[in-house]
PDB file of N, CA and C in Angstrom:
ATOM      1  N   MET A   1     -77.687  15.991 124.443  1.00  0.00           N
ATOM      2  CA  MET A   1     -76.928  16.092 123.707  1.00  0.00           C
ATOM      3  C   MET A   1     -76.812  17.531 123.605  1.00  0.00           C
ATOM      4  N   ASP A   2     -75.614  18.362 124.231  1.00  0.00           N
ATOM      5  CA  ASP A   2     -75.601  19.757 123.966  1.00  0.00           C
ATOM      6  C   ASP A   2     -74.170  20.436 123.061  1.00  0.00           C
ATOM      7  N   THR A   3     -74.087  21.456 122.805  1.00  0.00           N
ATOM      8  CA  THR A   3     -72.818  21.852 122.238  1.00  0.00           C
ATOM      9  C   THR A   3     -71.932  22.535 123.307  1.00  0.00           C
ATOM     10  N   HIS A   4     -70.932  22.778 122.912  1.00  0.00           N
ATOM     11  CA  HIS A   4     -69.977  23.589 123.632  1.00  0.00           C
ATOM     12  C   HIS A   4     -68.721  24.209 123.197  1.00  0.00           C
ATOM     13  N   PRO A   5     -68.569  25.232 122.918  1.00  0.00           N
ATOM     14  CA  PRO A   5     -67.525  26.307 122.258  1.00  0.00           C
ATOM     15  C   PRO A   5     -66.307  25.435 122.698  1.00  0.00           C
ATOM     16  N   GLY A   6     -65.487  24.556 121.878  1.00  0.00           N
ATOM     17  CA  GLY A   6     -63.714  24.075 122.716  1.00  0.00           C
ATOM     18  C   GLY A   6     -62.705  25.245 122.783  1.00  0.00           C
ATOM     19  N   ALA A   7     -61.884  24.864 123.027  1.00  0.00           N
ATOM     20  CA  ALA A   7     -60.334  25.393 123.565  1.00  0.00           C
ATOM     21  C   ALA A   7     -59.874  25.803 122.147  1.00  0.00           C
ATOM     22  N   ALA A   8     -59.823  25.208 121.026  1.00  0.00           N
ATOM     23  CA  ALA A   8     -59.228  25.587 119.869  1.00  0.00           C
ATOM     24  C   ALA A   8     -59.957  26.274 119.035  1.00  0.00           C
ATOM     25  N   ALA A   9     -60.041  27.445 118.919  1.00  0.00           N
ATOM     26  CA  ALA A   9     -60.762  28.148 117.607  1.00  0.00           C
ATOM     27  C   ALA A   9     -62.013  27.951 117.711  1.00  0.00           C
ATOM     28  N   SER A  10     -62.805  27.856 119.082  1.00  0.00           N
ATOM     29  CA  SER A  10     -63.995  27.770 119.327  1.00  0.00           C
ATOM     30  C   SER A  10     -64.795  26.696 118.633  1.00  0.00           C
ATOM     31  N   THR A  11     -63.877  25.526 118.683  1.00  0.00           N
ATOM     32  CA  THR A  11     -64.277  24.125 118.067  1.00  0.00           C
ATOM     33  C   THR A  11     -65.947  23.947 118.605  1.00  0.00           C
ATOM     34  N   GLU A  12     -66.969  23.330 117.822  1.00  0.00           N
ATOM     35  CA  GLU A  12     -67.995  22.844 118.431  1.00  0.00           C
ATOM     36  C   GLU A  12     -67.647  21.557 118.885  1.00  0.00           C
ATOM     37  N   VAL A  13     -68.034  21.372 120.370  1.00  0.00           N
ATOM     38  CA  VAL A  13     -68.021  19.752 120.511  1.00  0.00           C
ATOM     39  C   VAL A  13     -69.220  19.359 120.988  1.00  0.00           C
ATOM     40  N   LEU A  14     -69.717  18.395 120.645  1.00  0.00           N
ATOM     41  CA  LEU A  14     -70.855  17.665 121.125  1.00  0.00           C
ATOM     42  C   LEU A  14     -70.560  16.630 122.166  1.00  0.00           C
ATOM     43  N   ARG A  15     -71.478  16.886 123.317  1.00  0.00           N
ATOM     44  CA  ARG A  15     -71.522  16.299 124.208  1.00  0.00           C
ATOM     45  C   ARG A  15     -72.262  15.031 124.532  1.00  0.00           C
ATOM     46  N   CYS A  16     -72.069  13.677 124.392  1.00  0.00           N
ATOM     47  CA  CYS A  16     -73.157  12.799 124.332  1.00  0.00           C
ATOM     48  C   CYS A  16     -72.986  12.026 125.642  1.00  0.00           C
ATOM     49  N   THR A  17     -74.008  11.255 125.701  1.00  0.00           N
ATOM     50  CA  THR A  17     -74.376  10.381 127.083  1.00  0.00           C
ATOM     51  C   THR A  17     -74.308   8.881 126.391  1.00  0.00           C
ATOM     52  N   ALA A  18     -73.588   8.030 126.500  1.00  0.00           N
ATOM     53  CA  ALA A  18     -74.279   6.586 126.251  1.00  0.00           C
ATOM     54  C   ALA A  18     -74.543   5.852 127.386  1.00  0.00           C
ATOM     55  N   PHE A  19     -75.225   4.683 127.194  1.00  0.00           N
ATOM     56  CA  PHE A  19     -75.926   4.051 127.870  1.00  0.00           C
ATOM     57  C   PHE A  19     -76.677   4.560 129.020  1.00  0.00           C
ATOM     58  N   SER A  20     -77.534   5.278 129.195  1.00  0.00           N
ATOM     59  CA  SER A  20     -77.858   5.941 129.851  1.00  0.00           C
ATOM     60  C   SER A  20     -79.359   6.903 129.211  1.00  0.00           C
ATOM     61  N   ALA A  21     -80.342   7.048 129.890  1.00  0.00           N
ATOM     62  CA  ALA A  21     -81.163   7.774 129.235  1.00  0.00           C
ATOM     63  C   ALA A  21     -81.051   9.527 129.908  1.00  0.00           C
ATOM     64  N   ASP A  22     -80.101   9.453 130.876  1.00  0.00           N
ATOM     65  CA  ASP A  22     -80.114  10.370 132.144  1.00  0.00           C
ATOM     66  C   ASP A  22     -78.914  11.364 131.336  1.00  0.00           C
ATOM     67  N   PRO A  23     -78.886  12.493 131.108  1.00  0.00           N
ATOM     68  CA  PRO A  23     -77.646  13.340 130.759  1.00  0.00           C
ATOM     69  C   PRO A  23     -76.609  13.309 131.598  1.00  0.00           C
ATOM     70  N   ASP A  24     -76.837  13.158 133.238  1.00  0.00           N
ATOM     71  CA  ASP A  24     -76.165  13.399 133.847  1.00  0.00           C
ATOM     72  C   ASP A  24     -75.103  11.836 134.366  1.00  0.00           C
ATOM     73  N   GLY A  25     -75.974  10.548 133.538  1.00  0.00           N
ATOM     74  CA  GLY A  25     -75.423   9.555 133.920  1.00  0.00           C
ATOM     75  C   GLY A  25     -74.300   8.996 132.777  1.00  0.00           C
ATOM     76  N   GLY A  26     -74.603   7.314 132.768  1.00  0.00           N
ATOM     77  CA  GLY A  26     -73.874   6.760 131.602  1.00  0.00           C
ATOM     78  C   GLY A  26     -72.277   7.309 131.460  1.00  0.00           C
ATOM     79  N   ASN A  27     -72.017   6.710 130.230  1.00  0.00           N
ATOM     80  CA  ASN A  27     -70.724   7.052 129.715  1.00  0.00           C
ATOM     81  C   ASN A  27     -70.644   8.231 128.884  1.00  0.00           C
ATOM     82  N   PRO A  28     -70.002   9.428 129.385  1.00  0.00           N
ATOM     83  CA  PRO A  28     -69.902  10.998 128.394  1.00  0.00           C
ATOM     84  C   PRO A  28     -69.006  10.738 127.680  1.00  0.00           C
ATOM     85  N   ALA A  29     -69.217  11.169 126.527  1.00  0.00           N
ATOM     86  CA  ALA A  29     -67.960  11.647 125.489  1.00  0.00           C
ATOM     87  C   ALA A  29     -68.348  12.655 124.698  1.00  0.00           C
ATOM     88  N   GLY A  30     -67.143  13.245 124.064  1.00  0.00           N
ATOM     89  CA  GLY A  30     -67.075  14.418 123.698  1.00  0.00           C
ATOM     90  C   GLY A  30     -66.802  13.849 122.012  1.00  0.00           C
ATOM     91  N   VAL A  31     -67.437  14.570 120.728  1.00  0.00           N
ATOM     92  CA  VAL A  31     -67.344  14.478 119.721  1.00  0.00           C
ATOM     93  C   VAL A  31     -67.166  15.637 118.848  1.00  0.00           C
ATOM     94  N   VAL A  32     -65.963  15.751 118.053  1.00  0.00           N
ATOM     95  CA  VAL A  32     -65.723  17.215 117.325  1.00  0.00           C
ATOM     96  C   VAL A  32     -66.252  16.214 116.036  1.00  0.00           C
ATOM     97  N   LEU A  33     -67.576  16.943 115.208  1.00  0.00           N
ATOM     98  CA  LEU A  33     -67.644  16.417 113.993  1.00  0.00           C
ATOM     99  C   LEU A  33     -66.797  16.845 112.529  1.00  0.00           C
ATOM    100  N   ASP A  34     -66.239  17.919 112.953  1.00  0.00           N
ATOM    101  CA  ASP A  34     -64.905  18.171 111.732  1.00  0.00           C
ATOM    102  C   ASP A  34     -63.773  18.680 112.323  1.00  0.00           C
ATOM    103  N   ALA A  35     -62.869  18.048 112.601  1.00  0.00           N
ATOM    104  CA  ALA A  35     -62.013  18.314 113.323  1.00  0.00           C
ATOM    105  C   ALA A  35     -60.575  18.869 111.933  1.00  0.00           C
ATOM    106  N   SER A  36     -61.054  18.971 110.832  1.00  0.00           N
ATOM    107  CA  SER A  36     -59.715  18.729 109.874  1.00  0.00           C
ATOM    108  C   SER A  36     -58.766  20.275 110.067  1.00  0.00           C
ATOM    109  N   ALA A  37     -59.667  20.805 110.771  1.00  0.00           N
ATOM    110  CA  ALA A  37     -58.448  22.303 110.659  1.00  0.00           C
ATOM    111  C   ALA A  37     -57.626  22.254 112.251  1.00  0.00           C
ATOM    112  N   LEU A  38     -58.024  20.971 112.992  1.00  0.00           N
ATOM    113  CA  LEU A  38     -56.849  20.987 114.683  1.00  0.00           C
ATOM    114  C   LEU A  38     -56.133  19.931 114.339  1.00  0.00           C
ATOM    115  N   ASP A  39     -54.744  20.735 114.613  1.00  0.00           N
ATOM    116  CA  ASP A  39     -53.609  19.563 114.849  1.00  0.00           C
ATOM    117  C   ASP A  39     -53.923  18.794 116.273  1.00  0.00           C
ATOM    118  N   ASP A  40     -52.904  18.307 116.421  1.00  0.00           N
ATOM    119  CA  ASP A  40     -52.671  17.239 117.468  1.00  0.00           C
ATOM    120  C   ASP A  40     -52.760  18.293 118.787  1.00  0.00           C
ATOM    121  N   ALA A  41     -52.216  19.281 119.045  1.00  0.00           N
ATOM    122  CA  ALA A  41     -51.850  20.406 120.142  1.00  0.00           C
ATOM    123  C   ALA A  41     -53.483  20.558 120.239  1.00  0.00           C
ATOM    124  N   ALA A  42     -54.282  20.826 119.359  1.00  0.00           N
ATOM    125  CA  ALA A  42     -55.234  21.528 119.670  1.00  0.00           C
ATOM    126  C   ALA A  42     -56.442  20.533 120.090  1.00  0.00           C
ATOM    127  N   ARG A  43     -56.146  19.239 119.112  1.00  0.00           N
ATOM    128  CA  ARG A  43     -57.287  18.232 119.715  1.00  0.00           C
ATOM    129  C   ARG A  43     -57.235  17.920 121.258  1.00  0.00           C
ATOM    130  N   LEU A  44     -55.767  17.971 121.654  1.00  0.00           N
ATOM    131  CA  LEU A  44     -55.440  17.763 122.822  1.00  0.00           C
ATOM    132  C   LEU A  44     -56.256  18.930 124.074  1.00  0.00           C
ATOM    133  N   ALA A  45     -56.027  19.993 123.449  1.00  0.00           N
ATOM    134  CA  ALA A  45     -56.316  21.319 124.398  1.00  0.00           C
ATOM    135  C   ALA A  45     -57.797  21.254 124.368  1.00  0.00           C
ATOM    136  N   VAL A  46     -58.831  21.033 123.296  1.00  0.00           N
ATOM    137  CA  VAL A  46     -60.136  20.668 123.384  1.00  0.00           C
ATOM    138  C   VAL A  46     -60.694  19.586 124.413  1.00  0.00           C
ATOM    139  N   ALA A  47     -59.888  18.319 123.945  1.00  0.00           N
ATOM    140  CA  ALA A  47     -60.085  17.205 125.013  1.00  0.00           C
ATOM    141  C   ALA A  47     -59.752  17.563 126.456  1.00  0.00           C
ATOM    142  N   ALA A  48     -58.813  18.399 126.821  1.00  0.00           N
ATOM    143  CA  ALA A  48     -58.398  18.602 128.183  1.00  0.00           C
ATOM    144  C   ALA A  48     -59.939  19.514 128.733  1.00  0.00           C
ATOM    145  N   GLU A  49     -60.443  20.498 127.925  1.00  0.00           N
ATOM    146  CA  GLU A  49     -61.531  21.434 128.329  1.00  0.00           C
ATOM    147  C   GLU A  49     -62.517  20.699 128.519  1.00  0.00           C
ATOM    148  N   VAL A  50     -62.737  19.992 127.626  1.00  0.00           N
ATOM    149  CA  VAL A  50     -64.131  18.967 127.710  1.00  0.00           C
ATOM    150  C   VAL A  50     -63.858  18.106 129.121  1.00  0.00           C
ATOM    151  N   GLY A  51     -62.776  17.488 129.558  1.00  0.00           N
ATOM    152  CA  GLY A  51     -62.620  16.860 130.391  1.00  0.00           C
ATOM    153  C   GLY A  51     -62.913  15.423 130.886  1.00  0.00           C
ATOM    154  N   TYR A  52     -63.668  14.848 129.451  1.00  0.00           N
ATOM    155  CA  TYR A  52     -64.407  13.267 129.463  1.00  0.00           C
ATOM    156  C   TYR A  52     -63.073  12.376 129.375  1.00  0.00           C
ATOM    157  N   SER A  53     -62.945  11.479 129.561  1.00  0.00           N
ATOM    158  CA  SER A  53     -62.310  10.319 129.579  1.00  0.00           C
ATOM    159  C   SER A  53     -61.698  10.189 127.940  1.00  0.00           C
ATOM    160  N   GLU A  54     -62.898  10.502 127.108  1.00  0.00           N
ATOM    161  CA  GLU A  54     -62.267  10.590 125.502  1.00  0.00           C
ATOM    162  C   GLU A  54     -63.595  11.428 124.921  1.00  0.00           C
ATOM    163  N   THR A  55     -62.575  12.243 123.812  1.00  0.00           N
ATOM    164  CA  THR A  55     -63.367  12.898 122.814  1.00  0.00           C
ATOM    165  C   THR A  55     -62.970  12.520 121.554  1.00  0.00           C
ATOM    166  N   ALA A  56     -63.923  12.067 120.795  1.00  0.00           N
ATOM    167  CA  ALA A  56     -63.675  11.553 119.347  1.00  0.00           C
ATOM    168  C   ALA A  56     -63.572  12.711 118.423  1.00  0.00           C
ATOM    169  N   PHE A  57     -62.493  12.699 117.437  1.00  0.00           N
ATOM    170  CA  PHE A  57     -62.315  13.964 116.277  1.00  0.00           C
ATOM    171  C   PHE A  57     -62.527  13.182 115.089  1.00  0.00           C
ATOM    172  N   LEU A  58     -63.438  13.797 114.203  1.00  0.00           N
ATOM    173  CA  LEU A  58     -63.562  13.323 112.972  1.00  0.00           C
ATOM    174  C   LEU A  58     -63.018  13.814 111.780  1.00  0.00           C
ATOM    175  N   THR A  59     -62.272  13.330 111.054  1.00  0.00           N
ATOM    176  CA  THR A  59     -62.071  14.129 109.767  1.00  0.00           C
ATOM    177  C   THR A  59     -62.420  13.219 108.644  1.00  0.00           C
ATOM    178  N   PRO A  60     -62.558  13.740 107.660  1.00  0.00           N
ATOM    179  CA  PRO A  60     -63.180  13.107 106.001  1.00  0.00           C
ATOM    180  C   PRO A  60     -62.059  11.970 105.753  1.00  0.00           C
ATOM    181  N   ALA A  61     -62.463  10.702 105.767  1.00  0.00           N
ATOM    182  CA  ALA A  61     -61.611   9.620 105.217  1.00  0.00           C
ATOM    183  C   ALA A  61     -60.835  10.240 103.821  1.00  0.00           C
ATOM    184  N   PRO A  62     -59.659   9.685 103.703  1.00  0.00           N
ATOM    185  CA  PRO A  62     -58.767  10.080 102.697  1.00  0.00           C
ATOM    186  C   PRO A  62     -59.453   9.329 101.562  1.00  0.00           C
ATOM    187  N   GLU A  63     -58.948   9.995 100.152  1.00  0.00           N
ATOM    188  CA  GLU A  63     -59.485   9.253  99.048  1.00  0.00           C
ATOM    189  C   GLU A  63     -58.962   7.986  98.664  1.00  0.00           C
ATOM    190  N   GLY A  64     -59.878   6.721  98.667  1.00  0.00           N
ATOM    191  CA  GLY A  64     -59.144   5.453  98.541  1.00  0.00           C
ATOM    192  C   GLY A  64     -58.846   4.774  99.835  1.00  0.00           C
ATOM    193  N   ALA A  65     -59.482   5.350 100.973  1.00  0.00           N
ATOM    194  CA  ALA A  65     -58.928   4.798 102.331  1.00  0.00           C
ATOM    195  C   ALA A  65     -59.568   3.489 102.203  1.00  0.00           C
ATOM    196  N   GLU A  66     -58.266   2.521 103.361  1.00  0.00           N
ATOM    197  CA  GLU A  66     -58.793   1.237 103.197  1.00  0.00           C
ATOM    198  C   GLU A  66     -60.349   1.304 104.465  1.00  0.00           C
ATOM    199  N   GLY A  67     -60.825   0.311 103.732  1.00  0.00           N
ATOM    200  CA  GLY A  67     -62.411  -0.058 104.641  1.00  0.00           C
ATOM    201  C   GLY A  67     -63.673   0.791 104.053  1.00  0.00           C
ATOM    202  N   VAL A  68     -63.208   1.803 103.211  1.00  0.00           N
ATOM    203  CA  VAL A  68     -64.379   2.500 102.539  1.00  0.00           C
ATOM    204  C   VAL A  68     -64.675   1.998 100.995  1.00  0.00           C
ATOM    205  N   PRO A  69     -66.011   1.514 101.037  1.00  0.00           N
ATOM    206  CA  PRO A  69     -66.403   1.148  99.916  1.00  0.00           C
ATOM    207  C   PRO A  69     -66.417   1.417  98.558  1.00  0.00           C
ATOM    208  N   GLU A  70     -66.208   1.053  97.837  1.00  0.00           N
ATOM    209  CA  GLU A  70     -65.938   1.701  96.388  1.00  0.00           C
ATOM    210  C   GLU A  70     -67.394   2.522  95.843  1.00  0.00           C
ATOM    211  N   GLY A  71     -67.446   3.869  95.561  1.00  0.00           N
ATOM    212  CA  GLY A  71     -68.814   4.348  95.097  1.00  0.00           C
ATOM    213  C   GLY A  71     -69.874   5.059  96.179  1.00  0.00           C
ATOM    214  N   ALA A  72     -68.837   4.602  97.719  1.00  0.00           N
ATOM    215  CA  ALA A  72     -69.487   5.251  98.876  1.00  0.00           C
ATOM    216  C   ALA A  72     -69.899   6.622  98.571  1.00  0.00           C
ATOM    217  N   PRO A  73     -71.122   7.288  99.156  1.00  0.00           N
ATOM    218  CA  PRO A  73     -71.536   8.188  99.228  1.00  0.00           C
ATOM    219  C   PRO A  73     -70.668   9.427  99.801  1.00  0.00           C
ATOM    220  N   GLU A  74     -70.093  10.416  99.066  1.00  0.00           N
ATOM    221  CA  GLU A  74     -69.262  11.771  99.630  1.00  0.00           C
ATOM    222  C   GLU A  74     -69.360  11.958 101.016  1.00  0.00           C
ATOM    223  N   GLY A  75     -68.363  12.178 102.001  1.00  0.00           N
ATOM    224  CA  GLY A  75     -69.079  12.723 103.384  1.00  0.00           C
ATOM    225  C   GLY A  75     -69.716  11.732 104.392  1.00  0.00           C
ATOM    226  N   ARG A  76     -69.580  10.229 103.447  1.00  0.00           N
ATOM    227  CA  ARG A  76     -70.249   9.247 104.576  1.00  0.00           C
ATOM    228  C   ARG A  76     -69.051   8.644 105.212  1.00  0.00           C
ATOM    229  N   ALA A  77     -67.627   8.736 104.813  1.00  0.00           N
ATOM    230  CA  ALA A  77     -66.800   7.877 105.624  1.00  0.00           C
ATOM    231  C   ALA A  77     -66.072   8.883 106.175  1.00  0.00           C
ATOM    232  N   PHE A  78     -65.363   8.314 107.478  1.00  0.00           N
ATOM    233  CA  PHE A  78     -64.764   9.442 108.452  1.00  0.00           C
ATOM    234  C   PHE A  78     -63.515   8.703 109.043  1.00  0.00           C
ATOM    235  N   THR A  79     -62.190   9.166 109.250  1.00  0.00           N
ATOM    236  CA  THR A  79     -61.388   8.851 110.206  1.00  0.00           C
ATOM    237  C   THR A  79     -61.407   9.387 111.496  1.00  0.00           C
ATOM    238  N   THR A  80     -61.320   8.458 112.555  1.00  0.00           N
ATOM    239  CA  THR A  80     -62.136   9.106 114.037  1.00  0.00           C
ATOM    240  C   THR A  80     -60.625   8.935 114.698  1.00  0.00           C
ATOM    241  N   ARG A  81     -59.995   9.732 115.456  1.00  0.00           N
ATOM    242  CA  ARG A  81     -59.227   9.768 116.491  1.00  0.00           C
ATOM    243  C   ARG A  81     -59.342  10.163 118.146  1.00  0.00           C
ATOM    244  N   TYR A  82     -59.148   9.467 118.965  1.00  0.00           N
ATOM    245  CA  TYR A  82     -59.591   9.444 120.287  1.00  0.00           C
ATOM    246  C   TYR A  82     -58.612  10.447 121.369  1.00  0.00           C
ATOM    247  N   PHE A  83     -59.117  11.281 121.812  1.00  0.00           N
ATOM    248  CA  PHE A  83     -58.162  11.949 122.777  1.00  0.00           C
ATOM    249  C   PHE A  83     -58.393  11.901 124.111  1.00  0.00           C
ATOM    250  N   SER A  84     -57.934  11.570 125.357  1.00  0.00           N
ATOM    251  CA  SER A  84     -58.000  11.864 126.736  1.00  0.00           C
ATOM    252  C   SER A  84     -57.592  13.408 127.170  1.00  0.00           C
ATOM    253  N   PRO A  85     -57.899  13.996 128.007  1.00  0.00           N
ATOM    254  CA  PRO A  85     -57.381  15.034 128.476  1.00  0.00           C
ATOM    255  C   PRO A  85     -55.834  15.119 128.465  1.00  0.00           C
ATOM    256  N   LEU A  86     -55.180  14.051 128.499  1.00  0.00           N
ATOM    257  CA  LEU A  86     -53.580  14.035 128.659  1.00  0.00           C
ATOM    258  C   LEU A  86     -53.122  13.782 127.470  1.00  0.00           C
ATOM    259  N   ASP A  87     -53.471  12.707 126.584  1.00  0.00           N
ATOM    260  CA  ASP A  87     -52.922  12.233 125.484  1.00  0.00           C
ATOM    261  C   ASP A  87     -53.999  11.848 124.270  1.00  0.00           C
ATOM    262  N   GLU A  88     -53.360  11.163 123.605  1.00  0.00           N
ATOM    263  CA  GLU A  88     -54.215  10.717 122.238  1.00  0.00           C
ATOM    264  C   GLU A  88     -54.615   8.981 122.841  1.00  0.00           C
ATOM    265  N   VAL A  89     -55.460   8.615 122.775  1.00  0.00           N
ATOM    266  CA  VAL A  89     -56.064   7.516 123.276  1.00  0.00           C
ATOM    267  C   VAL A  89     -55.966   6.300 122.009  1.00  0.00           C
ATOM    268  N   ALA A  90     -55.446   5.059 122.615  1.00  0.00           N
ATOM    269  CA  ALA A  90     -54.971   4.068 121.515  1.00  0.00           C
ATOM    270  C   ALA A  90     -56.290   3.108 121.410  1.00  0.00           C
ATOM    271  N   LEU A  91     -57.632   3.375 121.001  1.00  0.00           N
ATOM    272  CA  LEU A  91     -58.577   2.568 120.824  1.00  0.00           C
ATOM    273  C   LEU A  91     -58.576   1.648 119.841  1.00  0.00           C
ATOM    274  N   GLY A  92     -58.616   0.067 120.454  1.00  0.00           N
ATOM    275  CA  GLY A  92     -58.341  -0.964 119.242  1.00  0.00           C
ATOM    276  C   GLY A  92     -56.869  -1.079 119.108  1.00  0.00           C
ATOM    277  N   ALA A  93     -56.074  -0.652 120.032  1.00  0.00           N
ATOM    278  CA  ALA A  93     -54.451  -1.222 119.710  1.00  0.00           C
ATOM    279  C   ALA A  93     -54.495  -2.470 120.263  1.00  0.00           C
ATOM    280  N   PRO A  94     -53.325  -2.983 119.290  1.00  0.00           N
ATOM    281  CA  PRO A  94     -53.173  -4.834 119.637  1.00  0.00           C
ATOM    282  C   PRO A  94     -52.935  -4.500 121.358  1.00  0.00           C
ATOM    283  N   PRO A  95     -53.082  -5.884 122.015  1.00  0.00           N
ATOM    284  CA  PRO A  95     -52.346  -5.802 123.595  1.00  0.00           C
ATOM    285  C   PRO A  95     -51.128  -5.781 123.652  1.00  0.00           C
ATOM    286  N   GLY A  96     -50.548  -5.224 124.442  1.00  0.00           N
ATOM    287  CA  GLY A  96     -49.426  -5.083 124.911  1.00  0.00           C
ATOM    288  C   GLY A  96     -48.743  -3.554 124.138  1.00  0.00           C
ATOM    289  N   ARG A  97     -49.257  -3.094 123.211  1.00  0.00           N
ATOM    290  CA  ARG A  97     -49.320  -1.773 122.897  1.00  0.00           C
ATOM    291  C   ARG A  97     -48.487  -1.106 124.241  1.00  0.00           C
ATOM    292  N   ARG A  98     -47.300  -0.353 124.188  1.00  0.00           N
ATOM    293  CA  ARG A  98     -46.726   0.430 125.004  1.00  0.00           C
ATOM    294  C   ARG A  98     -47.280   2.097 125.042  1.00  0.00           C
ATOM    295  N   PRO A  99     -47.774   2.458 126.352  1.00  0.00           N
ATOM    296  CA  PRO A  99     -48.032   4.214 126.095  1.00  0.00           C
ATOM    297  C   PRO A  99     -46.859   4.998 125.153  1.00  0.00           C
ATOM    298  N   GLY A 100     -47.410   5.914 124.313  1.00  0.00           N
ATOM    299  CA  GLY A 100     -46.665   6.842 123.672  1.00  0.00           C
ATOM    300  C   GLY A 100     -46.125   6.226 122.146  1.00  0.00           C
ATOM    301  N   GLU A 101     -46.096   4.705 122.030  1.00  0.00           N
ATOM    302  CA  GLU A 101     -46.141   4.296 120.763  1.00  0.00           C
ATOM    303  C   GLU A 101     -47.141   4.839 119.775  1.00  0.00           C
ATOM    304  N   ASP A 102     -46.634   4.838 118.665  1.00  0.00           N
ATOM    305  CA  ASP A 102     -47.463   5.711 117.313  1.00  0.00           C
ATOM    306  C   ASP A 102     -48.786   4.640 117.180  1.00  0.00           C
ATOM    307  N   THR A 103     -49.990   5.399 117.268  1.00  0.00           N
ATOM    308  CA  THR A 103     -51.061   4.079 116.870  1.00  0.00           C
ATOM    309  C   THR A 103     -51.728   4.815 115.961  1.00  0.00           C
ATOM    310  N   ARG A 104     -51.299   5.879 115.502  1.00  0.00           N
ATOM    311  CA  ARG A 104     -52.055   6.769 114.282  1.00  0.00           C
ATOM    312  C   ARG A 104     -52.111   5.939 112.811  1.00  0.00           C
ATOM    313  N   ARG A 105     -50.976   4.750 112.996  1.00  0.00           N
ATOM    314  CA  ARG A 105     -50.377   4.520 111.392  1.00  0.00           C
ATOM    315  C   ARG A 105     -51.623   3.587 111.316  1.00  0.00           C
ATOM    316  N   SER A 106     -52.317   2.940 112.296  1.00  0.00           N
ATOM    317  CA  SER A 106     -53.504   2.105 112.228  1.00  0.00           C
ATOM    318  C   SER A 106     -54.814   2.487 111.985  1.00  0.00           C
ATOM    319  N   ARG A 107     -54.947   3.949 112.104  1.00  0.00           N
ATOM    320  CA  ARG A 107     -56.156   4.249 111.921  1.00  0.00           C
ATOM    321  C   ARG A 107     -57.066   3.763 110.557  1.00  0.00           C
ATOM    322  N   ARG A 108     -58.328   3.247 110.683  1.00  0.00           N
ATOM    323  CA  ARG A 108     -59.180   3.313 109.579  1.00  0.00           C
ATOM    324  C   ARG A 108     -60.273   3.897 109.540  1.00  0.00           C
ATOM    325  N   PRO A 109     -60.766   4.462 108.137  1.00  0.00           N
ATOM    326  CA  PRO A 109     -61.759   4.964 108.388  1.00  0.00           C
ATOM    327  C   PRO A 109     -63.135   4.280 108.912  1.00  0.00           C
ATOM    328  N   TRP A 110     -64.072   5.013 109.342  1.00  0.00           N
ATOM    329  CA  TRP A 110     -65.466   4.215 109.349  1.00  0.00           C
ATOM    330  C   TRP A 110     -66.545   4.656 108.659  1.00  0.00           C
ATOM    331  N   ARG A 111     -67.595   4.275 108.305  1.00  0.00           N
ATOM    332  CA  ARG A 111     -68.970   4.850 107.780  1.00  0.00           C
ATOM    333  C   ARG A 111     -70.006   5.345 108.720  1.00  0.00           C
ATOM    334  N   TRP A 112     -70.488   6.543 108.315  1.00  0.00           N
ATOM    335  CA  TRP A 112     -71.820   7.170 109.150  1.00  0.00           C
ATOM    336  C   TRP A 112     -73.045   6.289 108.527  1.00  0.00           C
ATOM    337  N   ALA A 113     -73.476   5.586 109.663  1.00  0.00           N
ATOM    338  CA  ALA A 113     -74.715   4.665 109.091  1.00  0.00           C
ATOM    339  C   ALA A 113     -75.828   5.223 109.352  1.00  0.00           C
ATOM    340  N   SER A 114     -76.834   5.467 108.562  1.00  0.00           N
ATOM    341  CA  SER A 114     -77.882   6.242 108.797  1.00  0.00           C
ATOM    342  C   SER A 114     -78.934   5.640 108.619  1.00  0.00           C
ATOM    343  N   ALA A 115     -80.542   5.575 109.373  1.00  0.00           N
ATOM    344  CA  ALA A 115     -81.497   4.481 110.039  1.00  0.00           C
ATOM    345  C   ALA A 115     -82.156   4.897 108.599  1.00  0.00           C
TER     346      ALA A 115
END
């Protein structure tokens, strides 16, 4: 994993490789751990610069968001959106969802689990 200054406001992007011990193999993805200050256009610009099929953008989950257990430690729940170099990626969208449909309404936060 290395860091890369992204397109929008020098955003730090982690470059990860899944399913491989070799950084040049597997399934690469970009991850922005704090995308709070980035609008959709900036996220798209960062994803285009990274050039992977997906770049994940994490923001803190809203207070009382669905799926966040009551009493969860602060800073341990996130909302994640994914962008390709061309558009937002509708990961987990129901089958039959057409390109261009608003998928953001169904976002759910997830918890960062530590070992």
